[in-house]
């Protein structure tokens, strides 16, 4: 998967369903886990602009599988290639600019720093790699998204 695929309208690109495969590596404890499931970027239930991102699936950690889900809000940015990503409760998470097909975003969380790298490979595949470092965490989370349908 070489090269980047520029995205003119990030919300239009993300809209719809995606299959998700995530690896989770704890660099401090040398443990690994995984998540497999789906993500749907759809219209917010209460109306309004942007997309509601709902992810659900199975998270496996230390041999135990359990259901997992999360919800994020992707709001329009200053122009179509940009988005303002927020947690479900409206708190800011990070910005997203896929106009070059690649973006790096930071999110400070207490004393830890989340640094995300977003890469678009083509119209149906993209990846995020979050490196989480600080006194409480030392993780790498790699997520591959493949469009469904």
Protein backbone atom coordinates (compact mmCIF):
# COMPACT_ATOMS: atom_id res chain seq x y z
CA UNK A 1 0.00 0.00 0.00
CA UNK A 2 2.20 2.81 -1.23
CA UNK A 3 1.15 6.40 -1.73
CA UNK A 4 -1.71 8.50 -0.50
CA UNK A 5 -5.13 9.11 -2.02
CA UNK A 6 -6.27 12.75 -1.63
CA UNK A 7 -9.83 13.31 -0.37
CA UNK A 8 -11.70 16.43 -1.51
CA UNK A 9 -14.68 15.96 0.83
CA UNK A 10 -13.87 14.03 4.00
CA UNK A 11 -17.45 13.60 5.17
CA UNK A 12 -18.61 12.27 1.79
CA UNK A 13 -15.62 9.89 1.73
CA UNK A 14 -16.34 8.50 5.22
CA UNK A 15 -20.13 8.18 4.84
CA UNK A 16 -21.40 4.60 4.90
CA UNK A 17 -20.23 1.31 6.36
CA UNK A 18 -16.71 0.03 6.98
CA UNK A 19 -15.22 -3.25 8.18
CA UNK A 20 -12.70 -2.58 10.97
CA UNK A 21 -9.65 -4.60 12.04
CA UNK A 22 -7.53 -3.15 14.87
CA UNK A 23 -4.39 -4.41 16.54
CA UNK A 24 -3.50 -3.11 19.99
CA UNK A 25 0.06 -3.43 21.26
CA UNK A 26 1.06 -2.56 24.81
CA UNK A 27 4.74 -1.72 24.36
CA UNK A 28 5.40 -1.58 28.11
CA UNK A 29 3.87 -4.96 28.89
CA UNK A 30 4.53 -6.63 25.53
CA UNK A 31 0.88 -7.67 25.31
CA UNK A 32 -1.27 -7.66 22.20
CA UNK A 33 -4.98 -7.50 21.58
CA UNK A 34 -7.36 -7.06 18.69
CA UNK A 35 -10.69 -5.58 17.71
CA UNK A 36 -12.85 -6.73 14.82
CA UNK A 37 -16.13 -5.16 13.87
CA UNK A 38 -17.88 -2.47 11.87
CA UNK A 39 -18.03 1.30 11.75
CA UNK A 40 -20.95 3.20 10.31
CA UNK A 41 -20.71 6.90 9.49
CA UNK A 42 -24.31 8.06 9.26
CA UNK A 43 -26.51 11.08 9.80
CA UNK A 44 -26.81 12.22 13.42
CA UNK A 45 -30.03 10.93 15.02
CA UNK A 46 -30.93 14.39 16.25
CA UNK A 47 -30.30 15.96 12.85
CA UNK A 48 -27.73 18.61 12.19
CA UNK A 49 -24.52 18.70 10.20
CA UNK A 50 -21.80 16.11 10.02
CA UNK A 51 -21.69 12.38 10.62
CA UNK A 52 -22.20 10.17 13.64
CA UNK A 53 -19.50 7.48 13.78
CA UNK A 54 -20.63 4.31 15.56
CA UNK A 55 -18.17 1.45 15.95
CA UNK A 56 -19.11 -1.95 17.37
CA UNK A 57 -17.50 -5.35 17.48
CA UNK A 58 -15.43 -7.70 19.61
CA UNK A 59 -12.31 -6.72 21.55
CA UNK A 60 -9.92 -9.50 22.57
CA UNK A 61 -7.40 -8.79 25.35
CA UNK A 62 -5.46 -11.33 27.41
CA UNK A 63 -7.46 -14.12 25.80
CA UNK A 64 -10.84 -12.70 26.83
CA UNK A 65 -13.29 -11.58 24.13
CA UNK A 66 -15.91 -8.98 24.97
CA UNK A 67 -18.25 -6.64 23.09
CA UNK A 68 -16.93 -3.12 22.53
CA UNK A 69 -18.34 0.02 20.97
CA UNK A 70 -17.73 3.74 20.71
CA UNK A 71 -19.37 6.77 19.17
CA UNK A 72 -17.70 9.87 17.75
CA UNK A 73 -19.03 12.96 15.98
CA UNK A 74 -17.42 14.15 12.73
CA UNK A 75 -18.45 17.76 12.16
CA UNK A 76 -17.74 19.85 9.06
CA UNK A 77 -14.46 21.75 9.17
CA UNK A 78 -13.68 25.08 7.52
CA UNK A 79 -13.87 23.47 4.04
CA UNK A 80 -14.97 20.07 2.63
CA UNK A 81 -11.60 18.32 3.09
CA UNK A 82 -11.62 19.06 6.83
CA UNK A 83 -13.52 17.65 9.80
CA UNK A 84 -13.71 18.48 13.48
CA UNK A 85 -13.79 15.17 15.37
CA UNK A 86 -15.45 15.12 18.77
CA UNK A 87 -16.32 12.57 21.42
CA UNK A 88 -19.98 11.55 21.73
CA UNK A 89 -20.50 14.10 24.51
CA UNK A 90 -19.19 16.94 22.33
CA UNK A 91 -15.70 17.31 23.83
CA UNK A 92 -12.99 18.01 21.21
CA UNK A 93 -10.90 15.02 20.07
CA UNK A 94 -8.86 16.09 17.03
CA UNK A 95 -8.95 17.79 13.65
CA UNK A 96 -8.87 15.81 10.41
CA UNK A 97 -7.57 17.03 7.05
CA UNK A 98 -7.43 14.33 4.36
CA UNK A 99 -6.93 16.66 1.38
CA UNK A 100 -3.42 15.23 0.85
CA UNK A 101 -4.48 11.67 1.75
CA UNK A 102 -2.46 11.80 4.97
CA UNK A 103 -2.87 13.66 8.26
CA UNK A 104 -1.27 13.70 11.71
CA UNK A 105 -3.30 14.85 14.73
CA UNK A 106 -2.52 15.13 18.44
CA UNK A 107 -4.85 14.70 21.41
CA UNK A 108 -3.53 15.35 24.92
CA UNK A 109 -5.30 13.19 27.51
CA UNK A 110 -4.24 14.00 31.08
CA UNK A 111 -0.45 13.42 31.09
CA UNK A 112 -0.55 11.12 28.03
CA UNK A 113 -0.36 12.18 24.38
CA UNK A 114 -2.29 10.45 21.61
CA UNK A 115 -0.72 11.05 18.17
CA UNK A 116 -2.78 9.74 15.26
CA UNK A 117 -1.63 9.25 11.69
CA UNK A 118 -4.40 8.89 9.11
CA UNK A 119 -3.63 7.45 5.68
CA UNK A 120 -6.06 7.02 2.78
CA UNK A 121 -4.98 4.36 0.25
CA UNK A 122 -7.91 4.54 -2.18
CA UNK A 123 -11.68 5.08 -2.28
CA UNK A 124 -12.29 1.95 -0.19
CA UNK A 125 -9.34 1.64 2.22
CA UNK A 126 -7.80 3.82 4.91
CA UNK A 127 -5.81 3.36 8.12
CA UNK A 128 -5.23 5.05 11.44
CA UNK A 129 -2.20 4.48 13.64
CA UNK A 130 -2.46 5.95 17.13
CA UNK A 131 0.71 6.07 19.24
CA UNK A 132 -0.15 6.69 22.88
CA UNK A 133 2.67 7.67 25.18
CA UNK A 134 3.04 9.04 28.67
CA UNK A 135 3.25 7.95 32.27
CA UNK A 136 0.04 5.90 32.15
CA UNK A 137 0.22 4.33 28.66
CA UNK A 138 2.63 3.08 26.02
CA UNK A 139 0.45 1.75 23.20
CA UNK A 140 0.22 1.46 19.43
CA UNK A 141 -3.26 1.00 17.93
CA UNK A 142 -3.39 0.26 14.20
CA UNK A 143 -6.81 0.21 12.55
CA UNK A 144 -7.58 -0.77 8.97
CA UNK A 145 -10.90 0.26 7.43
CA UNK A 146 -12.34 -1.41 4.33
CA UNK A 147 -15.57 -0.14 2.79
CA UNK A 148 -18.54 -2.53 2.94
CA UNK A 149 -20.85 -2.30 -0.04
